[in-house]
Amino acid sequence: MKFVETPLKGAYVIELEPFEDHRGMFTRLFCKNEFKEIAHKKEIVQINHSLTKMKGSIRGMHFQIPPKSECKIIKCLQGSVLDVIIDLREGSRTFLNYHMEELSRENQKSIYVPEGFAHGFQTLTENSELIYFHTEYYDKEFEKAIRYNDPRIGIEWPLDATDISDKDKNHDLLDDKFTGLII
């Protein structure tokens, strides 16, 4: 497992090192000892799985606020997605900057999203499946989001959006009322 820091401090692309032979492939997705290299100490408490059927679909940009902030590890099991994270850590030199990373079954990459980041993705293929490891339980009371097309962030999605939930379409835009929600 190799950790490659992104331009957003504390966020990493994880390059897996699969073992392959005539039978197939084996790779480790998480190892507590190896994650010490990036100072990850929180316990994984929840694992989620998603399937997004339509190419061009967007999900996000979701996060939880304290005391339910969470780290996430995201891996694409099938298909391909453009995964996007936004730094919401007020005072960070990369505050409100974003990073995009293609995650696919083929490239076997994962992304480590630290506390204080929003997360979302756009599917680049049909039937894209993701698995998410979380360090905090989902809690609707502490769930927040930023609209996927917020002009203040300016995410350049590569495809026209084909499917977005009503909830994700109607998240707040960043403005003065959002200040109290930033981590």
N, C-alpha and C. Protein backbone atom coordinates (compact mmCIF):
# COMPACT_ATOMS: atom_id res chain seq x y z
N MET A 1 0.85 -1.17 0.00
CA MET A 1 0.00 0.00 0.00
C MET A 1 0.90 1.23 0.00
N LYS A 2 0.64 2.12 -0.95
CA LYS A 2 1.45 3.33 -1.06
C LYS A 2 0.53 4.54 -0.90
N PHE A 3 0.91 5.48 -0.03
CA PHE A 3 0.13 6.69 0.22
C PHE A 3 0.77 7.86 -0.52
N VAL A 4 0.00 8.48 -1.41
CA VAL A 4 0.48 9.62 -2.19
C VAL A 4 -0.33 10.83 -1.78
N GLU A 5 0.34 11.81 -1.15
CA GLU A 5 -0.38 12.99 -0.67
C GLU A 5 -0.89 13.82 -1.84
N THR A 6 -2.12 14.29 -1.71
CA THR A 6 -2.70 15.19 -2.71
C THR A 6 -2.28 16.61 -2.38
N PRO A 7 -2.61 17.59 -3.23
CA PRO A 7 -2.31 18.99 -2.90
C PRO A 7 -3.07 19.48 -1.65
N LEU A 8 -4.08 18.73 -1.20
CA LEU A 8 -4.84 19.09 0.00
C LEU A 8 -4.27 18.31 1.17
N LYS A 9 -3.58 19.01 2.05
CA LYS A 9 -2.85 18.37 3.15
C LYS A 9 -3.74 17.42 3.95
N GLY A 10 -3.24 16.23 4.14
CA GLY A 10 -3.96 15.22 4.92
C GLY A 10 -4.82 14.29 4.09
N ALA A 11 -5.03 14.61 2.81
CA ALA A 11 -5.80 13.74 1.91
C ALA A 11 -4.81 12.96 1.05
N TYR A 12 -5.07 11.68 0.87
CA TYR A 12 -4.14 10.81 0.16
C TYR A 12 -4.84 9.96 -0.89
N VAL A 13 -4.14 9.72 -1.99
CA VAL A 13 -4.51 8.67 -2.92
C VAL A 13 -3.78 7.43 -2.44
N ILE A 14 -4.49 6.34 -2.37
CA ILE A 14 -3.90 5.08 -1.91
C ILE A 14 -3.72 4.19 -3.14
N GLU A 15 -2.48 3.88 -3.43
CA GLU A 15 -2.18 2.98 -4.54
C GLU A 15 -1.96 1.60 -3.94
N LEU A 16 -2.83 0.70 -4.30
CA LEU A 16 -2.75 -0.66 -3.77
C LEU A 16 -1.72 -1.46 -4.55
N GLU A 17 -1.22 -2.48 -3.91
CA GLU A 17 -0.20 -3.33 -4.54
C GLU A 17 -0.74 -4.75 -4.60
N PRO A 18 -1.59 -5.02 -5.59
CA PRO A 18 -2.22 -6.33 -5.64
C PRO A 18 -1.23 -7.44 -5.99
N PHE A 19 -1.51 -8.60 -5.45
CA PHE A 19 -0.78 -9.82 -5.82
C PHE A 19 -1.63 -10.53 -6.87
N GLU A 20 -1.04 -10.81 -8.02
CA GLU A 20 -1.77 -11.47 -9.09
C GLU A 20 -1.04 -12.73 -9.52
N ASP A 21 -1.82 -13.75 -9.81
CA ASP A 21 -1.29 -14.97 -10.41
C ASP A 21 -2.39 -15.57 -11.28
N HIS A 22 -2.19 -16.80 -11.72
CA HIS A 22 -3.14 -17.43 -12.64
C HIS A 22 -4.55 -17.57 -12.03
N ARG A 23 -4.67 -17.53 -10.71
CA ARG A 23 -5.98 -17.67 -10.05
C ARG A 23 -6.77 -16.38 -10.04
N GLY A 24 -6.04 -15.24 -10.12
CA GLY A 24 -6.71 -13.96 -10.03
C GLY A 24 -5.87 -12.96 -9.29
N MET A 25 -6.49 -12.22 -8.35
CA MET A 25 -5.82 -11.11 -7.68
C MET A 25 -6.24 -11.05 -6.22
N PHE A 26 -5.30 -10.58 -5.37
CA PHE A 26 -5.56 -10.35 -3.96
C PHE A 26 -4.92 -9.03 -3.58
N THR A 27 -5.65 -8.20 -2.83
CA THR A 27 -5.07 -6.95 -2.34
C THR A 27 -5.68 -6.61 -0.99
N ARG A 28 -4.92 -5.89 -0.20
CA ARG A 28 -5.39 -5.43 1.11
C ARG A 28 -5.97 -4.04 0.94
N LEU A 29 -7.18 -3.81 1.45
CA LEU A 29 -7.83 -2.50 1.37
C LEU A 29 -7.53 -1.64 2.58
N PHE A 30 -7.33 -2.27 3.73
CA PHE A 30 -7.07 -1.52 4.96
C PHE A 30 -6.19 -2.34 5.87
N CYS A 31 -5.19 -1.69 6.45
CA CYS A 31 -4.34 -2.30 7.47
C CYS A 31 -4.02 -1.21 8.49
N LYS A 32 -4.46 -1.41 9.70
CA LYS A 32 -4.26 -0.42 10.76
C LYS A 32 -2.79 -0.03 10.89
N ASN A 33 -1.90 -0.99 10.82
CA ASN A 33 -0.47 -0.69 10.95
C ASN A 33 0.04 0.17 9.80
N GLU A 34 -0.38 -0.13 8.58
CA GLU A 34 0.08 0.66 7.43
C GLU A 34 -0.50 2.07 7.45
N PHE A 35 -1.73 2.23 7.95
CA PHE A 35 -2.35 3.55 8.00
C PHE A 35 -1.71 4.45 9.06
N LYS A 36 -0.91 3.89 9.95
CA LYS A 36 -0.16 4.72 10.91
C LYS A 36 0.80 5.65 10.18
N GLU A 37 1.21 5.25 8.97
CA GLU A 37 2.14 6.06 8.16
C GLU A 37 1.57 7.45 7.87
N ILE A 38 0.24 7.56 7.78
CA ILE A 38 -0.40 8.85 7.51
C ILE A 38 -1.09 9.39 8.77
N ALA A 39 -0.72 8.85 9.92
CA ALA A 39 -1.23 9.29 11.22
C ALA A 39 -2.73 9.01 11.41
N HIS A 40 -3.25 8.02 10.68
CA HIS A 40 -4.65 7.65 10.87
C HIS A 40 -4.75 6.79 12.13
N LYS A 41 -5.60 7.24 13.07
CA LYS A 41 -5.73 6.53 14.34
C LYS A 41 -7.16 6.11 14.66
N LYS A 42 -8.13 6.66 13.92
CA LYS A 42 -9.52 6.39 14.25
C LYS A 42 -9.95 5.01 13.76
N GLU A 43 -10.85 4.44 14.51
CA GLU A 43 -11.39 3.12 14.18
C GLU A 43 -12.41 3.22 13.03
N ILE A 44 -12.37 2.25 12.13
CA ILE A 44 -13.41 2.13 11.10
C ILE A 44 -14.64 1.54 11.79
N VAL A 45 -15.78 2.26 11.72
CA VAL A 45 -16.98 1.80 12.44
C VAL A 45 -18.14 1.48 11.51
N GLN A 46 -18.03 1.86 10.23
CA GLN A 46 -19.14 1.63 9.31
C GLN A 46 -18.58 1.46 7.91
N ILE A 47 -19.13 0.52 7.16
CA ILE A 47 -18.74 0.30 5.77
C ILE A 47 -20.01 0.34 4.93
N ASN A 48 -20.00 1.21 3.91
CA ASN A 48 -21.15 1.36 3.02
C ASN A 48 -20.77 0.95 1.60
N HIS A 49 -21.77 0.59 0.83
CA HIS A 49 -21.59 0.17 -0.56
C HIS A 49 -22.64 0.87 -1.40
N SER A 50 -22.24 1.43 -2.55
CA SER A 50 -23.21 2.08 -3.43
C SER A 50 -23.07 1.56 -4.85
N LEU A 51 -24.19 1.57 -5.55
CA LEU A 51 -24.23 1.28 -6.98
C LEU A 51 -24.92 2.46 -7.63
N THR A 52 -24.28 3.06 -8.62
CA THR A 52 -24.88 4.16 -9.38
C THR A 52 -24.98 3.67 -10.82
N LYS A 53 -26.20 3.62 -11.32
CA LYS A 53 -26.46 2.96 -12.61
C LYS A 53 -26.09 3.78 -13.84
N MET A 54 -26.38 5.09 -13.80
CA MET A 54 -26.22 5.89 -15.02
C MET A 54 -24.87 6.60 -15.09
N LYS A 55 -24.23 6.54 -16.25
CA LYS A 55 -23.01 7.30 -16.52
C LYS A 55 -23.35 8.79 -16.45
N GLY A 56 -22.51 9.57 -15.79
CA GLY A 56 -22.72 11.01 -15.66
C GLY A 56 -23.45 11.41 -14.38
N SER A 57 -23.92 10.44 -13.61
CA SER A 57 -24.60 10.76 -12.35
C SER A 57 -23.64 11.40 -11.37
N ILE A 58 -24.18 12.32 -10.56
CA ILE A 58 -23.37 12.98 -9.53
C ILE A 58 -24.01 12.72 -8.17
N ARG A 59 -23.17 12.37 -7.21
CA ARG A 59 -23.58 12.25 -5.81
C ARG A 59 -22.66 13.13 -4.99
N GLY A 60 -23.22 13.93 -4.10
CA GLY A 60 -22.37 14.75 -3.24
C GLY A 60 -22.83 16.19 -3.24
N MET A 61 -22.14 16.99 -2.53
CA MET A 61 -20.87 16.92 -1.81
C MET A 61 -21.17 16.85 -0.31
N HIS A 62 -21.00 15.69 0.29
CA HIS A 62 -21.47 15.39 1.64
C HIS A 62 -20.34 15.42 2.67
N PHE A 63 -20.74 15.75 3.92
CA PHE A 63 -19.82 15.68 5.06
C PHE A 63 -20.64 15.70 6.34
N GLN A 64 -19.99 15.38 7.44
CA GLN A 64 -20.61 15.49 8.76
C GLN A 64 -19.79 16.48 9.59
N ILE A 65 -20.50 17.26 10.41
CA ILE A 65 -19.83 18.26 11.25
C ILE A 65 -19.56 17.68 12.64
N PRO A 66 -18.64 18.31 13.39
CA PRO A 66 -18.35 17.86 14.75
C PRO A 66 -19.61 17.88 15.61
N PRO A 67 -19.74 16.96 16.51
CA PRO A 67 -18.75 15.97 16.92
C PRO A 67 -18.79 14.68 16.10
N LYS A 68 -19.44 14.67 14.98
CA LYS A 68 -19.58 13.46 14.16
C LYS A 68 -18.75 13.53 12.87
N SER A 69 -17.72 14.39 12.85
CA SER A 69 -16.82 14.45 11.68
C SER A 69 -16.21 13.07 11.46
N GLU A 70 -15.91 12.78 10.22
CA GLU A 70 -15.41 11.45 9.92
C GLU A 70 -14.32 11.48 8.87
N CYS A 71 -13.46 10.48 8.93
CA CYS A 71 -12.53 10.18 7.86
C CYS A 71 -13.23 9.13 7.00
N LYS A 72 -12.91 9.13 5.70
CA LYS A 72 -13.48 8.14 4.79
C LYS A 72 -12.36 7.57 3.93
N ILE A 73 -12.52 6.32 3.57
CA ILE A 73 -11.67 5.70 2.56
C ILE A 73 -12.64 5.20 1.49
N ILE A 74 -12.43 5.62 0.24
CA ILE A 74 -13.35 5.27 -0.83
C ILE A 74 -12.60 4.48 -1.89
N LYS A 75 -13.22 3.39 -2.34
CA LYS A 75 -12.64 2.55 -3.39
C LYS A 75 -13.72 2.18 -4.38
N CYS A 76 -13.37 2.21 -5.66
CA CYS A 76 -14.28 1.81 -6.74
C CYS A 76 -14.09 0.31 -6.99
N LEU A 77 -15.18 -0.44 -6.86
CA LEU A 77 -15.13 -1.89 -7.07
C LEU A 77 -15.45 -2.28 -8.51
N GLN A 78 -16.30 -1.47 -9.16
CA GLN A 78 -16.74 -1.77 -10.53
C GLN A 78 -16.96 -0.45 -11.25
N GLY A 79 -16.56 -0.39 -12.51
CA GLY A 79 -16.76 0.83 -13.27
C GLY A 79 -15.68 1.86 -13.00
N SER A 80 -16.08 3.15 -13.08
CA SER A 80 -15.12 4.23 -12.92
C SER A 80 -15.86 5.49 -12.47
N VAL A 81 -15.25 6.23 -11.56
CA VAL A 81 -15.83 7.49 -11.08
C VAL A 81 -14.74 8.55 -11.01
N LEU A 82 -15.17 9.81 -11.11
CA LEU A 82 -14.29 10.93 -10.80
C LEU A 82 -14.65 11.34 -9.39
N ASP A 83 -13.78 11.04 -8.45
CA ASP A 83 -14.02 11.30 -7.05
C ASP A 83 -13.51 12.71 -6.73
N VAL A 84 -14.29 13.48 -5.97
CA VAL A 84 -13.95 14.87 -5.68
C VAL A 84 -14.05 15.11 -4.18
N ILE A 85 -13.02 15.79 -3.64
CA ILE A 85 -13.04 16.19 -2.24
C ILE A 85 -12.79 17.70 -2.15
N ILE A 86 -13.41 18.34 -1.16
CA ILE A 86 -13.27 19.78 -0.94
C ILE A 86 -12.77 20.01 0.48
N ASP A 87 -11.73 20.80 0.62
CA ASP A 87 -11.19 21.15 1.94
C ASP A 87 -12.08 22.19 2.59
N LEU A 88 -12.71 21.84 3.70
CA LEU A 88 -13.59 22.75 4.44
C LEU A 88 -12.99 23.17 5.78
N ARG A 89 -11.71 22.97 5.93
CA ARG A 89 -11.05 23.31 7.20
C ARG A 89 -10.69 24.79 7.20
N GLU A 90 -11.51 25.55 7.90
CA GLU A 90 -11.27 26.99 7.99
C GLU A 90 -9.88 27.22 8.57
N GLY A 91 -9.10 28.06 7.91
CA GLY A 91 -7.73 28.32 8.34
C GLY A 91 -6.71 27.50 7.57
N SER A 92 -7.16 26.49 6.84
CA SER A 92 -6.26 25.70 6.00
C SER A 92 -5.81 26.54 4.81
N ARG A 93 -4.57 26.36 4.36
CA ARG A 93 -4.08 27.12 3.20
C ARG A 93 -4.80 26.70 1.93
N THR A 94 -5.49 25.55 1.95
CA THR A 94 -6.23 25.09 0.77
C THR A 94 -7.75 25.12 1.02
N PHE A 95 -8.17 25.97 1.95
CA PHE A 95 -9.60 26.12 2.28
C PHE A 95 -10.42 26.38 1.02
N LEU A 96 -11.45 25.58 0.81
CA LEU A 96 -12.38 25.63 -0.32
C LEU A 96 -11.76 25.21 -1.66
N ASN A 97 -10.55 24.66 -1.63
CA ASN A 97 -9.97 24.07 -2.83
C ASN A 97 -10.47 22.63 -2.94
N TYR A 98 -10.44 22.11 -4.17
CA TYR A 98 -10.86 20.73 -4.35
C TYR A 98 -9.81 19.93 -5.08
N HIS A 99 -9.93 18.62 -4.95
CA HIS A 99 -9.04 17.68 -5.65
C HIS A 99 -9.91 16.61 -6.29
N MET A 100 -9.57 16.25 -7.53
CA MET A 100 -10.28 15.20 -8.26
C MET A 100 -9.33 14.04 -8.49
N GLU A 101 -9.89 12.84 -8.44
CA GLU A 101 -9.09 11.64 -8.68
C GLU A 101 -9.98 10.59 -9.32
N GLU A 102 -9.53 10.02 -10.43
CA GLU A 102 -10.29 8.92 -11.02
C GLU A 102 -10.04 7.66 -10.21
N LEU A 103 -11.12 7.04 -9.79
CA LEU A 103 -11.06 5.75 -9.11
C LEU A 103 -11.76 4.75 -10.02
N SER A 104 -11.12 3.61 -10.26
CA SER A 104 -11.72 2.61 -11.13
C SER A 104 -11.30 1.22 -10.70
N ARG A 105 -12.04 0.26 -11.21
CA ARG A 105 -11.66 -1.12 -10.96
C ARG A 105 -10.27 -1.39 -11.53
N GLU A 106 -10.00 -0.78 -12.68
CA GLU A 106 -8.73 -1.03 -13.36
C GLU A 106 -7.54 -0.43 -12.62
N ASN A 107 -7.66 0.82 -12.15
CA ASN A 107 -6.47 1.44 -11.54
C ASN A 107 -6.29 1.08 -10.07
N GLN A 108 -7.30 0.46 -9.47
CA GLN A 108 -7.20 -0.04 -8.09
C GLN A 108 -6.84 1.03 -7.05
N LYS A 109 -7.07 2.31 -7.38
CA LYS A 109 -6.77 3.38 -6.42
C LYS A 109 -7.92 3.55 -5.43
N SER A 110 -7.59 4.04 -4.26
CA SER A 110 -8.56 4.46 -3.26
C SER A 110 -8.19 5.89 -2.89
N ILE A 111 -9.09 6.54 -2.17
CA ILE A 111 -8.76 7.88 -1.68
C ILE A 111 -9.08 7.94 -0.20
N TYR A 112 -8.17 8.59 0.54
CA TYR A 112 -8.33 8.81 1.98
C TYR A 112 -8.78 10.25 2.17
N VAL A 113 -9.97 10.40 2.74
CA VAL A 113 -10.57 11.72 2.95
C VAL A 113 -10.55 12.00 4.45
N PRO A 114 -9.75 12.96 4.90
CA PRO A 114 -9.69 13.24 6.33
C PRO A 114 -10.91 14.01 6.81
N GLU A 115 -11.03 14.15 8.11
CA GLU A 115 -12.09 14.99 8.69
C GLU A 115 -11.96 16.40 8.13
N GLY A 116 -13.10 17.05 7.94
CA GLY A 116 -13.07 18.42 7.47
C GLY A 116 -13.16 18.56 5.97
N PHE A 117 -13.53 17.50 5.27
CA PHE A 117 -13.64 17.53 3.82
C PHE A 117 -15.04 17.10 3.40
N ALA A 118 -15.56 17.74 2.34
CA ALA A 118 -16.77 17.25 1.68
C ALA A 118 -16.34 16.26 0.62
N HIS A 119 -17.24 15.33 0.29
CA HIS A 119 -16.92 14.28 -0.67
C HIS A 119 -18.09 14.04 -1.62
N GLY A 120 -17.77 13.79 -2.88
CA GLY A 120 -18.76 13.40 -3.86
C GLY A 120 -18.07 12.80 -5.07
N PHE A 121 -18.88 12.41 -6.06
CA PHE A 121 -18.29 11.83 -7.27
C PHE A 121 -19.25 11.93 -8.45
N GLN A 122 -18.68 11.76 -9.65
CA GLN A 122 -19.46 11.62 -10.87
C GLN A 122 -19.07 10.29 -11.51
N THR A 123 -20.07 9.52 -11.94
CA THR A 123 -19.79 8.25 -12.59
C THR A 123 -19.31 8.49 -14.02
N LEU A 124 -18.24 7.79 -14.38
CA LEU A 124 -17.69 7.88 -15.73
C LEU A 124 -18.13 6.70 -16.59
N THR A 125 -18.73 5.70 -15.94
CA THR A 125 -19.26 4.53 -16.63
C THR A 125 -20.61 4.17 -16.01
N GLU A 126 -21.35 3.36 -16.69
CA GLU A 126 -22.58 2.83 -16.11
C GLU A 126 -22.23 1.81 -15.04
N ASN A 127 -23.15 1.62 -14.11
CA ASN A 127 -23.03 0.60 -13.07
C ASN A 127 -21.72 0.68 -12.29
N SER A 128 -21.46 1.86 -11.75
CA SER A 128 -20.25 2.06 -10.93
C SER A 128 -20.57 1.75 -9.48
N GLU A 129 -19.72 0.94 -8.87
CA GLU A 129 -19.91 0.54 -7.47
C GLU A 129 -18.75 1.03 -6.62
N LEU A 130 -19.10 1.62 -5.48
CA LEU A 130 -18.10 2.10 -4.53
C LEU A 130 -18.30 1.43 -3.19
N ILE A 131 -17.20 1.30 -2.46
CA ILE A 131 -17.25 0.88 -1.06
C ILE A 131 -16.61 2.00 -0.26
N TYR A 132 -17.24 2.35 0.87
CA TYR A 132 -16.79 3.45 1.72
C TYR A 132 -16.53 2.92 3.12
N PHE A 133 -15.38 3.24 3.67
CA PHE A 133 -15.05 2.93 5.06
C PHE A 133 -15.16 4.24 5.84
N HIS A 134 -15.88 4.24 6.95
CA HIS A 134 -16.13 5.45 7.73
C HIS A 134 -15.63 5.29 9.16
N THR A 135 -15.14 6.40 9.72
CA THR A 135 -14.68 6.38 11.12
C THR A 135 -15.73 6.94 12.07
N GLU A 136 -16.90 7.23 11.55
CA GLU A 136 -18.00 7.71 12.40
C GLU A 136 -19.29 7.15 11.85
N TYR A 137 -20.25 6.92 12.73
CA TYR A 137 -21.55 6.45 12.29
C TYR A 137 -22.31 7.59 11.62
N TYR A 138 -23.10 7.25 10.63
CA TYR A 138 -23.94 8.26 9.98
C TYR A 138 -24.92 8.81 11.01
N ASP A 139 -25.06 10.13 11.02
CA ASP A 139 -25.99 10.78 11.93
C ASP A 139 -26.64 11.94 11.18
N LYS A 140 -27.92 11.78 10.86
CA LYS A 140 -28.63 12.77 10.06
C LYS A 140 -28.55 14.17 10.66
N GLU A 141 -28.52 14.25 12.00
CA GLU A 141 -28.47 15.55 12.69
C GLU A 141 -27.19 16.32 12.36
N PHE A 142 -26.11 15.61 12.04
CA PHE A 142 -24.81 16.25 11.79
C PHE A 142 -24.41 16.19 10.31
N GLU A 143 -25.32 15.70 9.47
CA GLU A 143 -25.06 15.61 8.04
C GLU A 143 -25.22 16.99 7.40
N LYS A 144 -24.28 17.36 6.56
CA LYS A 144 -24.32 18.62 5.82
C LYS A 144 -23.83 18.35 4.40
N ALA A 145 -24.04 19.32 3.54
CA ALA A 145 -23.57 19.17 2.16
C ALA A 145 -23.46 20.53 1.50
N ILE A 146 -22.71 20.55 0.43
CA ILE A 146 -22.55 21.72 -0.43
C ILE A 146 -23.07 21.31 -1.79
N ARG A 147 -23.74 22.21 -2.48
CA ARG A 147 -24.26 21.88 -3.80
C ARG A 147 -23.12 21.54 -4.75
N TYR A 148 -23.33 20.52 -5.55
CA TYR A 148 -22.30 20.00 -6.47
C TYR A 148 -21.81 21.03 -7.48
N ASN A 149 -22.62 22.04 -7.77
CA ASN A 149 -22.24 23.04 -8.77
C ASN A 149 -22.08 24.44 -8.16
N ASP A 150 -21.69 24.49 -6.89
CA ASP A 150 -21.51 25.77 -6.22
C ASP A 150 -20.46 26.59 -6.97
N PRO A 151 -20.81 27.79 -7.42
CA PRO A 151 -19.85 28.59 -8.20
C PRO A 151 -18.63 29.01 -7.39
N ARG A 152 -18.75 29.08 -6.08
CA ARG A 152 -17.60 29.47 -5.26
C ARG A 152 -16.52 28.39 -5.27
N ILE A 153 -16.93 27.14 -5.44
CA ILE A 153 -15.97 26.04 -5.53
C ILE A 153 -15.53 25.86 -6.98
N GLY A 154 -16.48 25.84 -7.91
CA GLY A 154 -16.17 25.76 -9.34
C GLY A 154 -15.67 24.41 -9.82
N ILE A 155 -16.25 23.34 -9.32
CA ILE A 155 -15.84 22.01 -9.77
C ILE A 155 -16.13 21.87 -11.26
N GLU A 156 -15.14 21.40 -11.98
CA GLU A 156 -15.28 21.19 -13.43
C GLU A 156 -15.57 19.72 -13.68
N TRP A 157 -16.85 19.37 -13.62
CA TRP A 157 -17.27 17.99 -13.87
C TRP A 157 -17.02 17.67 -15.34
N PRO A 158 -16.48 16.51 -15.66
CA PRO A 158 -16.12 16.21 -17.05
C PRO A 158 -17.30 15.89 -17.97
N LEU A 159 -18.41 15.43 -17.39
CA LEU A 159 -19.57 15.04 -18.18
C LEU A 159 -20.78 15.88 -17.79
N ASP A 160 -21.72 16.00 -18.70
CA ASP A 160 -22.99 16.61 -18.33
C ASP A 160 -23.64 15.74 -17.27
N ALA A 161 -24.24 16.36 -16.29
CA ALA A 161 -24.90 15.62 -15.21
C ALA A 161 -26.16 14.95 -15.75
N THR A 162 -26.23 13.63 -15.65
CA THR A 162 -27.39 12.88 -16.16
C THR A 162 -28.41 12.58 -15.08
N ASP A 163 -27.95 12.44 -13.84
CA ASP A 163 -28.87 12.07 -12.76
C ASP A 163 -28.30 12.59 -11.44
N ILE A 164 -29.10 13.36 -10.74
CA ILE A 164 -28.74 13.91 -9.43
C ILE A 164 -29.99 13.84 -8.57
N SER A 165 -29.86 13.41 -7.35
CA SER A 165 -31.03 13.34 -6.48
C SER A 165 -31.57 14.75 -6.22
N ASP A 166 -32.86 14.84 -5.94
CA ASP A 166 -33.45 16.15 -5.59
C ASP A 166 -32.72 16.75 -4.39
N LYS A 167 -32.38 15.91 -3.45
CA LYS A 167 -31.67 16.39 -2.25
C LYS A 167 -30.33 17.04 -2.64
N ASP A 168 -29.54 16.37 -3.48
CA ASP A 168 -28.24 16.91 -3.88
C ASP A 168 -28.37 18.15 -4.76
N LYS A 169 -29.43 18.24 -5.55
CA LYS A 169 -29.65 19.42 -6.40
C LYS A 169 -29.95 20.66 -5.58
N ASN A 170 -30.48 20.46 -4.38
CA ASN A 170 -30.98 21.60 -3.59
C ASN A 170 -30.18 21.92 -2.34
N HIS A 171 -28.96 21.36 -2.23
CA HIS A 171 -28.13 21.74 -1.09
C HIS A 171 -27.80 23.22 -1.18
N ASP A 172 -27.49 23.81 -0.03
CA ASP A 172 -27.15 25.22 0.02
C ASP A 172 -25.88 25.53 -0.77
N LEU A 173 -25.84 26.76 -1.26
CA LEU A 173 -24.61 27.30 -1.83
C LEU A 173 -23.80 27.90 -0.69
N LEU A 174 -22.51 27.97 -0.85
CA LEU A 174 -21.66 28.60 0.17
C LEU A 174 -21.93 30.10 0.20
N ASP A 175 -22.18 30.62 1.37
CA ASP A 175 -22.32 32.05 1.58
C ASP A 175 -22.14 32.32 3.06
N ASP A 176 -22.48 33.49 3.51
CA ASP A 176 -22.24 33.85 4.91
C ASP A 176 -22.95 32.92 5.90
N LYS A 177 -24.12 32.41 5.56
CA LYS A 177 -24.83 31.55 6.51
C LYS A 177 -24.15 30.21 6.69
N PHE A 178 -23.25 29.86 5.77
CA PHE A 178 -22.56 28.58 5.83
C PHE A 178 -21.38 28.60 6.79
N THR A 179 -20.93 29.77 7.19
CA THR A 179 -19.71 29.90 8.00
C THR A 179 -19.74 29.01 9.23
N GLY A 180 -20.86 28.93 9.91
CA GLY A 180 -20.95 28.11 11.12
C GLY A 180 -20.88 26.62 10.85
N LEU A 181 -21.03 26.20 9.60
CA LEU A 181 -21.00 24.80 9.27
C LEU A 181 -19.63 24.33 8.85
N ILE A 182 -18.76 25.26 8.53
CA ILE A 182 -17.41 24.89 8.10
C ILE A 182 -16.65 24.34 9.29
N ILE A 183 -15.83 23.37 9.04
CA ILE A 183 -15.17 22.62 10.09
C ILE A 183 -13.87 23.29 10.52
